[in-house]
PDB file of N, CA and C in Angstrom:
ATOM      1  N   MET A   1      15.476   9.006   3.655  1.00  0.00           N
ATOM      2  CA  MET A   1      14.679   7.822   3.773  1.00  0.00           C
ATOM      3  C   MET A   1      14.780   7.019   2.478  1.00  0.00           C
ATOM      4  N   MET A   2      14.866   5.715   2.590  1.00  0.00           N
ATOM      5  CA  MET A   2      15.049   4.847   1.431  1.00  0.00           C
ATOM      6  C   MET A   2      13.704   4.481   0.814  1.00  0.00           C
ATOM      7  N   THR A   3      13.643   4.476  -0.525  1.00  0.00           N
ATOM      8  CA  THR A   3      12.439   4.071  -1.230  1.00  0.00           C
ATOM      9  C   THR A   3      12.665   2.689  -1.808  1.00  0.00           C
ATOM     10  N   TYR A   4      11.750   1.765  -1.513  1.00  0.00           N
ATOM     11  CA  TYR A   4      11.828   0.400  -2.013  1.00  0.00           C
ATOM     12  C   TYR A   4      11.016   0.292  -3.291  1.00  0.00           C
ATOM     13  N   GLN A   5      11.639  -0.173  -4.375  1.00  0.00           N
ATOM     14  CA  GLN A   5      10.972  -0.363  -5.661  1.00  0.00           C
ATOM     15  C   GLN A   5      10.595  -1.832  -5.795  1.00  0.00           C
ATOM     16  N   ASN A   6       9.406  -2.102  -6.312  1.00  0.00           N
ATOM     17  CA  ASN A   6       8.983  -3.467  -6.587  1.00  0.00           C
ATOM     18  C   ASN A   6       9.281  -3.756  -8.046  1.00  0.00           C
ATOM     19  N   SER A   7      10.276  -4.576  -8.308  1.00  0.00           N
ATOM     20  CA  SER A   7      10.696  -4.841  -9.685  1.00  0.00           C
ATOM     21  C   SER A   7       9.767  -5.812 -10.398  1.00  0.00           C
ATOM     22  N   ARG A   8       8.940  -6.545  -9.669  1.00  0.00           N
ATOM     23  CA  ARG A   8       8.068  -7.534 -10.284  1.00  0.00           C
ATOM     24  C   ARG A   8       6.720  -6.973 -10.705  1.00  0.00           C
ATOM     25  N   THR A   9       6.426  -5.740 -10.392  1.00  0.00           N
ATOM     26  CA  THR A   9       5.125  -5.186 -10.734  1.00  0.00           C
ATOM     27  C   THR A   9       5.124  -4.671 -12.160  1.00  0.00           C
ATOM     28  N   GLY A  10       3.997  -4.786 -12.815  1.00  0.00           N
ATOM     29  CA  GLY A  10       3.822  -4.273 -14.162  1.00  0.00           C
ATOM     30  C   GLY A  10       2.516  -3.519 -14.234  1.00  0.00           C
ATOM     31  N   LYS A  11       2.265  -2.872 -15.339  1.00  0.00           N
ATOM     32  CA  LYS A  11       1.025  -2.128 -15.482  1.00  0.00           C
ATOM     33  C   LYS A  11      -0.141  -3.106 -15.559  1.00  0.00           C
ATOM     34  N   ILE A  12      -1.190  -2.836 -14.824  1.00  0.00           N
ATOM     35  CA  ILE A  12      -2.359  -3.698 -14.757  1.00  0.00           C
ATOM     36  C   ILE A  12      -3.497  -3.010 -15.489  1.00  0.00           C
ATOM     37  N   LYS A  13      -4.229  -3.761 -16.282  1.00  0.00           N
ATOM     38  CA  LYS A  13      -5.335  -3.209 -17.062  1.00  0.00           C
ATOM     39  C   LYS A  13      -6.444  -2.705 -16.133  1.00  0.00           C
ATOM     40  N   ASN A  14      -7.020  -1.567 -16.482  1.00  0.00           N
ATOM     41  CA  ASN A  14      -8.106  -0.928 -15.727  1.00  0.00           C
ATOM     42  C   ASN A  14      -7.716  -0.630 -14.275  1.00  0.00           C
ATOM     43  N   ALA A  15      -6.475  -0.221 -14.077  1.00  0.00           N
ATOM     44  CA  ALA A  15      -5.996   0.117 -12.743  1.00  0.00           C
ATOM     45  C   ALA A  15      -5.401   1.516 -12.757  1.00  0.00           C
ATOM     46  N   HIS A  16      -5.328   2.123 -11.585  1.00  0.00           N
ATOM     47  CA  HIS A  16      -4.728   3.445 -11.466  1.00  0.00           C
ATOM     48  C   HIS A  16      -3.829   3.471 -10.232  1.00  0.00           C
ATOM     49  N   PRO A  17      -2.767   4.280 -10.271  1.00  0.00           N
ATOM     50  CA  PRO A  17      -1.890   4.378  -9.101  1.00  0.00           C
ATOM     51  C   PRO A  17      -2.557   5.190  -7.994  1.00  0.00           C
ATOM     52  N   LEU A  18      -2.342   4.751  -6.768  1.00  0.00           N
ATOM     53  CA  LEU A  18      -2.966   5.353  -5.604  1.00  0.00           C
ATOM     54  C   LEU A  18      -1.885   5.590  -4.554  1.00  0.00           C
ATOM     55  N   LEU A  19      -1.836   6.789  -4.006  1.00  0.00           N
ATOM     56  CA  LEU A  19      -0.903   7.109  -2.930  1.00  0.00           C
ATOM     57  C   LEU A  19      -1.586   6.798  -1.601  1.00  0.00           C
ATOM     58  N   VAL A  20      -0.984   5.937  -0.808  1.00  0.00           N
ATOM     59  CA  VAL A  20      -1.537   5.536   0.486  1.00  0.00           C
ATOM     60  C   VAL A  20      -0.700   6.190   1.572  1.00  0.00           C
ATOM     61  N   SER A  21      -1.365   6.882   2.510  1.00  0.00           N
ATOM     62  CA  SER A  21      -0.643   7.557   3.586  1.00  0.00           C
ATOM     63  C   SER A  21      -1.344   7.324   4.920  1.00  0.00           C
ATOM     64  N   CYS A  22      -0.617   7.559   5.995  1.00  0.00           N
ATOM     65  CA  CYS A  22      -1.130   7.393   7.352  1.00  0.00           C
ATOM     66  C   CYS A  22      -2.102   8.526   7.669  1.00  0.00           C
ATOM     67  N   MET A  23      -3.225   8.189   8.271  1.00  0.00           N
ATOM     68  CA  MET A  23      -4.224   9.198   8.609  1.00  0.00           C
ATOM     69  C   MET A  23      -3.785  10.047   9.809  1.00  0.00           C
ATOM     70  N   HIS A  24      -2.968   9.493  10.688  1.00  0.00           N
ATOM     71  CA  HIS A  24      -2.577  10.203  11.905  1.00  0.00           C
ATOM     72  C   HIS A  24      -1.530  11.282  11.644  1.00  0.00           C
ATOM     73  N   CYS A  25      -0.456  10.903  10.926  1.00  0.00           N
ATOM     74  CA  CYS A  25       0.647  11.854  10.731  1.00  0.00           C
ATOM     75  C   CYS A  25       0.810  12.289   9.274  1.00  0.00           C
ATOM     76  N   LYS A  26      -0.045  11.778   8.373  1.00  0.00           N
ATOM     77  CA  LYS A  26      -0.040  12.133   6.937  1.00  0.00           C
ATOM     78  C   LYS A  26       1.250  11.715   6.233  1.00  0.00           C
ATOM     79  N   HIS A  27       1.966  10.732   6.760  1.00  0.00           N
ATOM     80  CA  HIS A  27       3.208  10.238   6.161  1.00  0.00           C
ATOM     81  C   HIS A  27       2.863   9.284   5.015  1.00  0.00           C
ATOM     82  N   ASP A  28       3.515   9.468   3.854  1.00  0.00           N
ATOM     83  CA  ASP A  28       3.255   8.616   2.691  1.00  0.00           C
ATOM     84  C   ASP A  28       3.859   7.232   2.914  1.00  0.00           C
ATOM     85  N   LEU A  29       3.036   6.190   2.698  1.00  0.00           N
ATOM     86  CA  LEU A  29       3.499   4.815   2.879  1.00  0.00           C
ATOM     87  C   LEU A  29       3.931   4.176   1.574  1.00  0.00           C
ATOM     88  N   CYS A  30       3.051   4.220   0.561  1.00  0.00           N
ATOM     89  CA  CYS A  30       3.364   3.513  -0.680  1.00  0.00           C
ATOM     90  C   CYS A  30       2.520   4.045  -1.830  1.00  0.00           C
ATOM     91  N   VAL A  31       2.926   3.661  -3.039  1.00  0.00           N
ATOM     92  CA  VAL A  31       2.143   3.878  -4.253  1.00  0.00           C
ATOM     93  C   VAL A  31       1.665   2.498  -4.672  1.00  0.00           C
ATOM     94  N   TYR A  32       0.359   2.360  -4.891  1.00  0.00           N
ATOM     95  CA  TYR A  32      -0.295   1.062  -5.054  1.00  0.00           C
ATOM     96  C   TYR A  32      -1.140   1.055  -6.317  1.00  0.00           C
ATOM     97  N   TRP A  33      -1.140  -0.066  -7.058  1.00  0.00           N
ATOM     98  CA  TRP A  33      -2.030  -0.228  -8.212  1.00  0.00           C
ATOM     99  C   TRP A  33      -3.402  -0.620  -7.695  1.00  0.00           C
ATOM    100  N   LYS A  34      -4.375   0.274  -7.797  1.00  0.00           N
ATOM    101  CA  LYS A  34      -5.745  -0.010  -7.355  1.00  0.00           C
ATOM    102  C   LYS A  34      -6.554  -0.451  -8.555  1.00  0.00           C
ATOM    103  N   VAL A  35      -7.178  -1.617  -8.465  1.00  0.00           N
ATOM    104  CA  VAL A  35      -8.036  -2.143  -9.516  1.00  0.00           C
ATOM    105  C   VAL A  35      -9.469  -2.029  -9.031  1.00  0.00           C
ATOM    106  N   GLY A  36     -10.339  -1.470  -9.856  1.00  0.00           N
ATOM    107  CA  GLY A  36     -11.743  -1.357  -9.487  1.00  0.00           C
ATOM    108  C   GLY A  36     -12.078  -0.011  -8.879  1.00  0.00           C
ATOM    109  N   ARG A  37     -13.346   0.115  -8.520  1.00  0.00           N
ATOM    110  CA  ARG A  37     -13.856   1.414  -8.097  1.00  0.00           C
ATOM    111  C   ARG A  37     -14.003   1.582  -6.601  1.00  0.00           C
ATOM    112  N   GLY A  38     -14.047   0.554  -5.830  1.00  0.00           N
ATOM    113  CA  GLY A  38     -14.378   0.659  -4.410  1.00  0.00           C
ATOM    114  C   GLY A  38     -13.279   1.251  -3.550  1.00  0.00           C
ATOM    115  N   ASN A  39     -13.534   1.222  -2.252  1.00  0.00           N
ATOM    116  CA  ASN A  39     -12.557   1.699  -1.275  1.00  0.00           C
ATOM    117  C   ASN A  39     -11.377   0.738  -1.193  1.00  0.00           C
ATOM    118  N   LEU A  40     -10.275   1.216  -0.671  1.00  0.00           N
ATOM    119  CA  LEU A  40      -9.091   0.382  -0.478  1.00  0.00           C
ATOM    120  C   LEU A  40      -9.264  -0.389   0.829  1.00  0.00           C
ATOM    121  N   ILE A  41      -9.430  -1.704   0.721  1.00  0.00           N
ATOM    122  CA  ILE A  41      -9.650  -2.557   1.881  1.00  0.00           C
ATOM    123  C   ILE A  41      -8.393  -3.328   2.237  1.00  0.00           C
ATOM    124  N   LYS A  42      -7.665  -3.762   1.217  1.00  0.00           N
ATOM    125  CA  LYS A  42      -6.452  -4.534   1.456  1.00  0.00           C
ATOM    126  C   LYS A  42      -5.343  -4.080   0.525  1.00  0.00           C
ATOM    127  N   LEU A  43      -4.112  -4.192   1.006  1.00  0.00           N
ATOM    128  CA  LEU A  43      -2.922  -3.912   0.202  1.00  0.00           C
ATOM    129  C   LEU A  43      -2.323  -5.249  -0.200  1.00  0.00           C
ATOM    130  N   GLN A  44      -2.479  -5.622  -1.456  1.00  0.00           N
ATOM    131  CA  GLN A  44      -1.855  -6.844  -1.942  1.00  0.00           C
ATOM    132  C   GLN A  44      -0.406  -6.518  -2.274  1.00  0.00           C
ATOM    133  N   ILE A  45       0.505  -7.265  -1.706  1.00  0.00           N
ATOM    134  CA  ILE A  45       1.925  -6.925  -1.773  1.00  0.00           C
ATOM    135  C   ILE A  45       2.441  -6.910  -3.204  1.00  0.00           C
ATOM    136  N   HIS A  46       1.923  -7.777  -4.066  1.00  0.00           N
ATOM    137  CA  HIS A  46       2.418  -7.821  -5.443  1.00  0.00           C
ATOM    138  C   HIS A  46       1.961  -6.621  -6.273  1.00  0.00           C
ATOM    139  N   ARG A  47       1.017  -5.817  -5.781  1.00  0.00           N
ATOM    140  CA  ARG A  47       0.557  -4.630  -6.504  1.00  0.00           C
ATOM    141  C   ARG A  47       1.199  -3.334  -6.020  1.00  0.00           C
ATOM    142  N   ILE A  48       2.070  -3.394  -5.053  1.00  0.00           N
ATOM    143  CA  ILE A  48       2.739  -2.197  -4.544  1.00  0.00           C
ATOM    144  C   ILE A  48       3.852  -1.822  -5.512  1.00  0.00           C
ATOM    145  N   ILE A  49       3.824  -0.571  -5.995  1.00  0.00           N
ATOM    146  CA  ILE A  49       4.813  -0.097  -6.963  1.00  0.00           C
ATOM    147  C   ILE A  49       6.084   0.335  -6.248  1.00  0.00           C
ATOM    148  N   GLU A  50       5.950   1.218  -5.280  1.00  0.00           N
ATOM    149  CA  GLU A  50       7.101   1.671  -4.492  1.00  0.00           C
ATOM    150  C   GLU A  50       6.615   2.032  -3.104  1.00  0.00           C
ATOM    151  N   ALA A  51       7.516   1.944  -2.132  1.00  0.00           N
ATOM    152  CA  ALA A  51       7.123   2.186  -0.745  1.00  0.00           C
ATOM    153  C   ALA A  51       8.311   2.660   0.068  1.00  0.00           C
ATOM    154  N   GLU A  52       8.020   3.367   1.156  1.00  0.00           N
ATOM    155  CA  GLU A  52       9.044   3.730   2.128  1.00  0.00           C
ATOM    156  C   GLU A  52       9.116   2.690   3.231  1.00  0.00           C
ATOM    157  N   TYR A  53       8.167   1.790   3.266  1.00  0.00           N
ATOM    158  CA  TYR A  53       8.116   0.699   4.223  1.00  0.00           C
ATOM    159  C   TYR A  53       8.576  -0.557   3.498  1.00  0.00           C
ATOM    160  N   ASP A  54       9.409  -1.380   4.101  1.00  0.00           N
ATOM    161  CA  ASP A  54       9.898  -2.598   3.452  1.00  0.00           C
ATOM    162  C   ASP A  54       8.843  -3.696   3.581  1.00  0.00           C
ATOM    163  N   PHE A  55       8.028  -3.866   2.535  1.00  0.00           N
ATOM    164  CA  PHE A  55       6.974  -4.868   2.553  1.00  0.00           C
ATOM    165  C   PHE A  55       7.520  -6.277   2.359  1.00  0.00           C
ATOM    166  N   GLY A  56       8.785  -6.409   1.992  1.00  0.00           N
ATOM    167  CA  GLY A  56       9.401  -7.717   1.844  1.00  0.00           C
ATOM    168  C   GLY A  56       9.607  -8.430   3.173  1.00  0.00           C
ATOM    169  N   ARG A  57       9.625  -7.683   4.269  1.00  0.00           N
ATOM    170  CA  ARG A  57       9.810  -8.288   5.594  1.00  0.00           C
ATOM    171  C   ARG A  57       8.582  -9.071   6.024  1.00  0.00           C
ATOM    172  N   ARG A  58       7.420  -8.635   5.626  1.00  0.00           N
ATOM    173  CA  ARG A  58       6.138  -9.270   5.948  1.00  0.00           C
ATOM    174  C   ARG A  58       5.927  -9.401   7.455  1.00  0.00           C
ATOM    175  N   ASP A  59       5.939  -8.268   8.123  1.00  0.00           N
ATOM    176  CA  ASP A  59       5.633  -8.246   9.551  1.00  0.00           C
ATOM    177  C   ASP A  59       4.155  -8.563   9.756  1.00  0.00           C
ATOM    178  N   LYS A  60       3.806  -9.023  10.960  1.00  0.00           N
ATOM    179  CA  LYS A  60       2.409  -9.371  11.260  1.00  0.00           C
ATOM    180  C   LYS A  60       1.500  -8.149  11.247  1.00  0.00           C
ATOM    181  N   ALA A  61       2.037  -6.994  11.601  1.00  0.00           N
ATOM    182  CA  ALA A  61       1.248  -5.766  11.631  1.00  0.00           C
ATOM    183  C   ALA A  61       1.906  -4.725  10.735  1.00  0.00           C
ATOM    184  N   LEU A  62       1.095  -3.985  10.004  1.00  0.00           N
ATOM    185  CA  LEU A  62       1.585  -2.887   9.174  1.00  0.00           C
ATOM    186  C   LEU A  62       1.614  -1.638  10.046  1.00  0.00           C
ATOM    187  N   LEU A  63       2.815  -1.148  10.331  1.00  0.00           N
ATOM    188  CA  LEU A  63       2.993   0.022  11.185  1.00  0.00           C
ATOM    189  C   LEU A  63       3.476   1.196  10.357  1.00  0.00           C
ATOM    190  N   CYS A  64       3.016   2.394  10.716  1.00  0.00           N
ATOM    191  CA  CYS A  64       3.507   3.606  10.072  1.00  0.00           C
ATOM    192  C   CYS A  64       4.966   3.806  10.492  1.00  0.00           C
ATOM    193  N   PRO A  65       5.891   4.012   9.535  1.00  0.00           N
ATOM    194  CA  PRO A  65       7.295   4.196   9.914  1.00  0.00           C
ATOM    195  C   PRO A  65       7.558   5.495  10.671  1.00  0.00           C
ATOM    196  N   ASN A  66       6.619   6.445  10.609  1.00  0.00           N
ATOM    197  CA  ASN A  66       6.813   7.738  11.258  1.00  0.00           C
ATOM    198  C   ASN A  66       6.249   7.759  12.681  1.00  0.00           C
ATOM    199  N   CYS A  67       4.971   7.374  12.842  1.00  0.00           N
ATOM    200  CA  CYS A  67       4.325   7.490  14.155  1.00  0.00           C
ATOM    201  C   CYS A  67       4.083   6.147  14.843  1.00  0.00           C
ATOM    202  N   GLN A  68       4.413   5.032  14.202  1.00  0.00           N
ATOM    203  CA  GLN A  68       4.284   3.675  14.749  1.00  0.00           C
ATOM    204  C   GLN A  68       2.845   3.264  15.070  1.00  0.00           C
ATOM    205  N   GLU A  69       1.853   3.894  14.444  1.00  0.00           N
ATOM    206  CA  GLU A  69       0.459   3.457  14.587  1.00  0.00           C
ATOM    207  C   GLU A  69       0.237   2.215  13.743  1.00  0.00           C
ATOM    208  N   GLN A  70      -0.601   1.294  14.236  1.00  0.00           N
ATOM    209  CA  GLN A  70      -0.910   0.094  13.463  1.00  0.00           C
ATOM    210  C   GLN A  70      -1.976   0.429  12.430  1.00  0.00           C
ATOM    211  N   LEU A  71      -1.668   0.146  11.153  1.00  0.00           N
ATOM    212  CA  LEU A  71      -2.564   0.481  10.050  1.00  0.00           C
ATOM    213  C   LEU A  71      -3.246  -0.737   9.452  1.00  0.00           C
ATOM    214  N   GLY A  72      -2.685  -1.917   9.642  1.00  0.00           N
ATOM    215  CA  GLY A  72      -3.267  -3.120   9.058  1.00  0.00           C
ATOM    216  C   GLY A  72      -2.655  -4.376   9.639  1.00  0.00           C
ATOM    217  N   SER A  73      -3.230  -5.524   9.215  1.00  0.00           N
ATOM    218  CA  SER A  73      -2.775  -6.826   9.687  1.00  0.00           C
ATOM    219  C   SER A  73      -2.472  -7.726   8.503  1.00  0.00           C
ATOM    220  N   LEU A  74      -1.432  -8.542   8.625  1.00  0.00           N
ATOM    221  CA  LEU A  74      -1.027  -9.453   7.562  1.00  0.00           C
ATOM    222  C   LEU A  74      -1.974 -10.639   7.494  1.00  0.00           C
ATOM    223  N   SER A  75      -2.359 -10.997   6.271  1.00  0.00           N
ATOM    224  CA  SER A  75      -3.231 -12.137   6.036  1.00  0.00           C
ATOM    225  C   SER A  75      -2.956 -12.661   4.637  1.00  0.00           C
ATOM    226  N   GLU A  76      -3.807 -13.558   4.156  1.00  0.00           N
ATOM    227  CA  GLU A  76      -3.705 -14.060   2.791  1.00  0.00           C
ATOM    228  C   GLU A  76      -5.029 -13.864   2.088  1.00  0.00           C
ATOM    229  N   HIS A  77      -4.952 -13.568   0.792  1.00  0.00           N
ATOM    230  CA  HIS A  77      -6.139 -13.451  -0.046  1.00  0.00           C
ATOM    231  C   HIS A  77      -5.848 -14.195  -1.339  1.00  0.00           C
ATOM    232  N   LYS A  78      -6.592 -15.260  -1.594  1.00  0.00           N
ATOM    233  CA  LYS A  78      -6.408 -16.112  -2.776  1.00  0.00           C
ATOM    234  C   LYS A  78      -4.974 -16.633  -2.876  1.00  0.00           C
ATOM    235  N   GLY A  79      -4.414 -17.016  -1.740  1.00  0.00           N
ATOM    236  CA  GLY A  79      -3.082 -17.602  -1.710  1.00  0.00           C
ATOM    237  C   GLY A  79      -1.930 -16.621  -1.762  1.00  0.00           C
ATOM    238  N   ARG A  80      -2.212 -15.336  -1.794  1.00  0.00           N
ATOM    239  CA  ARG A  80      -1.156 -14.321  -1.848  1.00  0.00           C
ATOM    240  C   ARG A  80      -1.183 -13.483  -0.576  1.00  0.00           C
ATOM    241  N   PRO A  81      -0.005 -13.081  -0.086  1.00  0.00           N
ATOM    242  CA  PRO A  81       0.027 -12.270   1.132  1.00  0.00           C
ATOM    243  C   PRO A  81      -0.486 -10.857   0.879  1.00  0.00           C
ATOM    244  N   CYS A  82      -1.216 -10.334   1.863  1.00  0.00           N
ATOM    245  CA  CYS A  82      -1.729  -8.964   1.765  1.00  0.00           C
ATOM    246  C   CYS A  82      -1.924  -8.413   3.178  1.00  0.00           C
ATOM    247  N   TYR A  83      -2.067  -7.111   3.253  1.00  0.00           N
ATOM    248  CA  TYR A  83      -2.372  -6.444   4.517  1.00  0.00           C
ATOM    249  C   TYR A  83      -3.809  -5.948   4.458  1.00  0.00           C
ATOM    250  N   PHE A  84      -4.661  -6.431   5.366  1.00  0.00           N
ATOM    251  CA  PHE A  84      -6.010  -5.903   5.488  1.00  0.00           C
ATOM    252  C   PHE A  84      -5.925  -4.641   6.339  1.00  0.00           C
ATOM    253  N   LEU A  85      -6.374  -3.527   5.782  1.00  0.00           N
ATOM    254  CA  LEU A  85      -6.242  -2.233   6.443  1.00  0.00           C
ATOM    255  C   LEU A  85      -7.359  -2.031   7.457  1.00  0.00           C
ATOM    256  N   HIS A  86      -7.028  -1.389   8.569  1.00  0.00           N
ATOM    257  CA  HIS A  86      -8.033  -1.036   9.566  1.00  0.00           C
ATOM    258  C   HIS A  86      -8.754   0.221   9.092  1.00  0.00           C
ATOM    259  N   ARG A  87     -10.046   0.257   9.286  1.00  0.00           N
ATOM    260  CA  ARG A  87     -10.841   1.391   8.806  1.00  0.00           C
ATOM    261  C   ARG A  87     -10.431   2.685   9.494  1.00  0.00           C
ATOM    262  N   GLY A  88     -10.358   3.746   8.702  1.00  0.00           N
ATOM    263  CA  GLY A  88     -10.057   5.065   9.233  1.00  0.00           C
ATOM    264  C   GLY A  88      -8.598   5.297   9.570  1.00  0.00           C
ATOM    265  N   GLN A  89      -7.713   4.367   9.255  1.00  0.00           N
ATOM    266  CA  GLN A  89      -6.305   4.512   9.601  1.00  0.00           C
ATOM    267  C   GLN A  89      -5.445   4.996   8.435  1.00  0.00           C
ATOM    268  N   THR A  90      -5.962   4.887   7.201  1.00  0.00           N
ATOM    269  CA  THR A  90      -5.194   5.296   6.024  1.00  0.00           C
ATOM    270  C   THR A  90      -5.981   6.295   5.194  1.00  0.00           C
ATOM    271  N   GLN A  91      -5.244   7.063   4.421  1.00  0.00           N
ATOM    272  CA  GLN A  91      -5.812   8.059   3.522  1.00  0.00           C
ATOM    273  C   GLN A  91      -5.265   7.759   2.130  1.00  0.00           C
ATOM    274  N   THR A  92      -6.109   7.877   1.098  1.00  0.00           N
ATOM    275  CA  THR A  92      -5.673   7.572  -0.263  1.00  0.00           C
ATOM    276  C   THR A  92      -5.894   8.775  -1.171  1.00  0.00           C
ATOM    277  N   LYS A  93      -5.055   8.848  -2.186  1.00  0.00           N
ATOM    278  CA  LYS A  93      -5.157   9.919  -3.172  1.00  0.00           C
ATOM    279  C   LYS A  93      -4.783   9.335  -4.526  1.00  0.00           C
ATOM    280  N   ARG A  94      -5.641   9.534  -5.513  1.00  0.00           N
ATOM    281  CA  ARG A  94      -5.381   9.024  -6.855  1.00  0.00           C
ATOM    282  C   ARG A  94      -4.312   9.880  -7.532  1.00  0.00           C
ATOM    283  N   LEU A  95      -3.316   9.231  -8.129  1.00  0.00           N
ATOM    284  CA  LEU A  95      -2.224   9.920  -8.806  1.00  0.00           C
ATOM    285  C   LEU A  95      -2.483   9.896 -10.302  1.00  0.00           C
ATOM    286  N   GLU A  96      -2.756  11.047 -10.884  1.00  0.00           N
ATOM    287  CA  GLU A  96      -3.091  11.121 -12.307  1.00  0.00           C
ATOM    288  C   GLU A  96      -1.852  11.092 -13.195  1.00  0.00           C
ATOM    289  N   ASN A  97      -0.800  11.791 -12.818  1.00  0.00           N
ATOM    290  CA  ASN A  97       0.384  11.934 -13.672  1.00  0.00           C
ATOM    291  C   ASN A  97       1.578  11.176 -13.109  1.00  0.00           C
ATOM    292  N   TYR A  98       1.359   9.964 -12.668  1.00  0.00           N
ATOM    293  CA  TYR A  98       2.440   9.170 -12.084  1.00  0.00           C
ATOM    294  C   TYR A  98       3.253   8.512 -13.195  1.00  0.00           C
ATOM    295  N   LYS A  99       4.578   8.590 -13.101  1.00  0.00           N
ATOM    296  CA  LYS A  99       5.481   7.958 -14.072  1.00  0.00           C
ATOM    297  C   LYS A  99       5.796   6.547 -13.598  1.00  0.00           C
ATOM    298  N   TYR A 100       5.539   5.546 -14.415  1.00  0.00           N
ATOM    299  CA  TYR A 100       5.684   4.148 -14.040  1.00  0.00           C
ATOM    300  C   TYR A 100       7.122   3.743 -14.131  1.00  0.00           C
TER     301      TYR A 100
END
């Protein structure tokens, strides 16, 4: 399986890397820079570090590449494209020793 690297992402202050995976089949989707303390509500495309899903295509629905379940919907937040995640469809895990 091919891993897509985001070359435009950089380290963000007060952020930590988060592994996002499908709740149904436990397949890893992406590593994401999470800013703040709350739950993960949206995936902003410019904060994705690496992914097995090609976020450059910008499909209307975010589908799991393994089980084809719909995990989110494409929208805009402050003029930037993002995927608003459906509740209970994704699982997150904080990565402490991630190499940038």
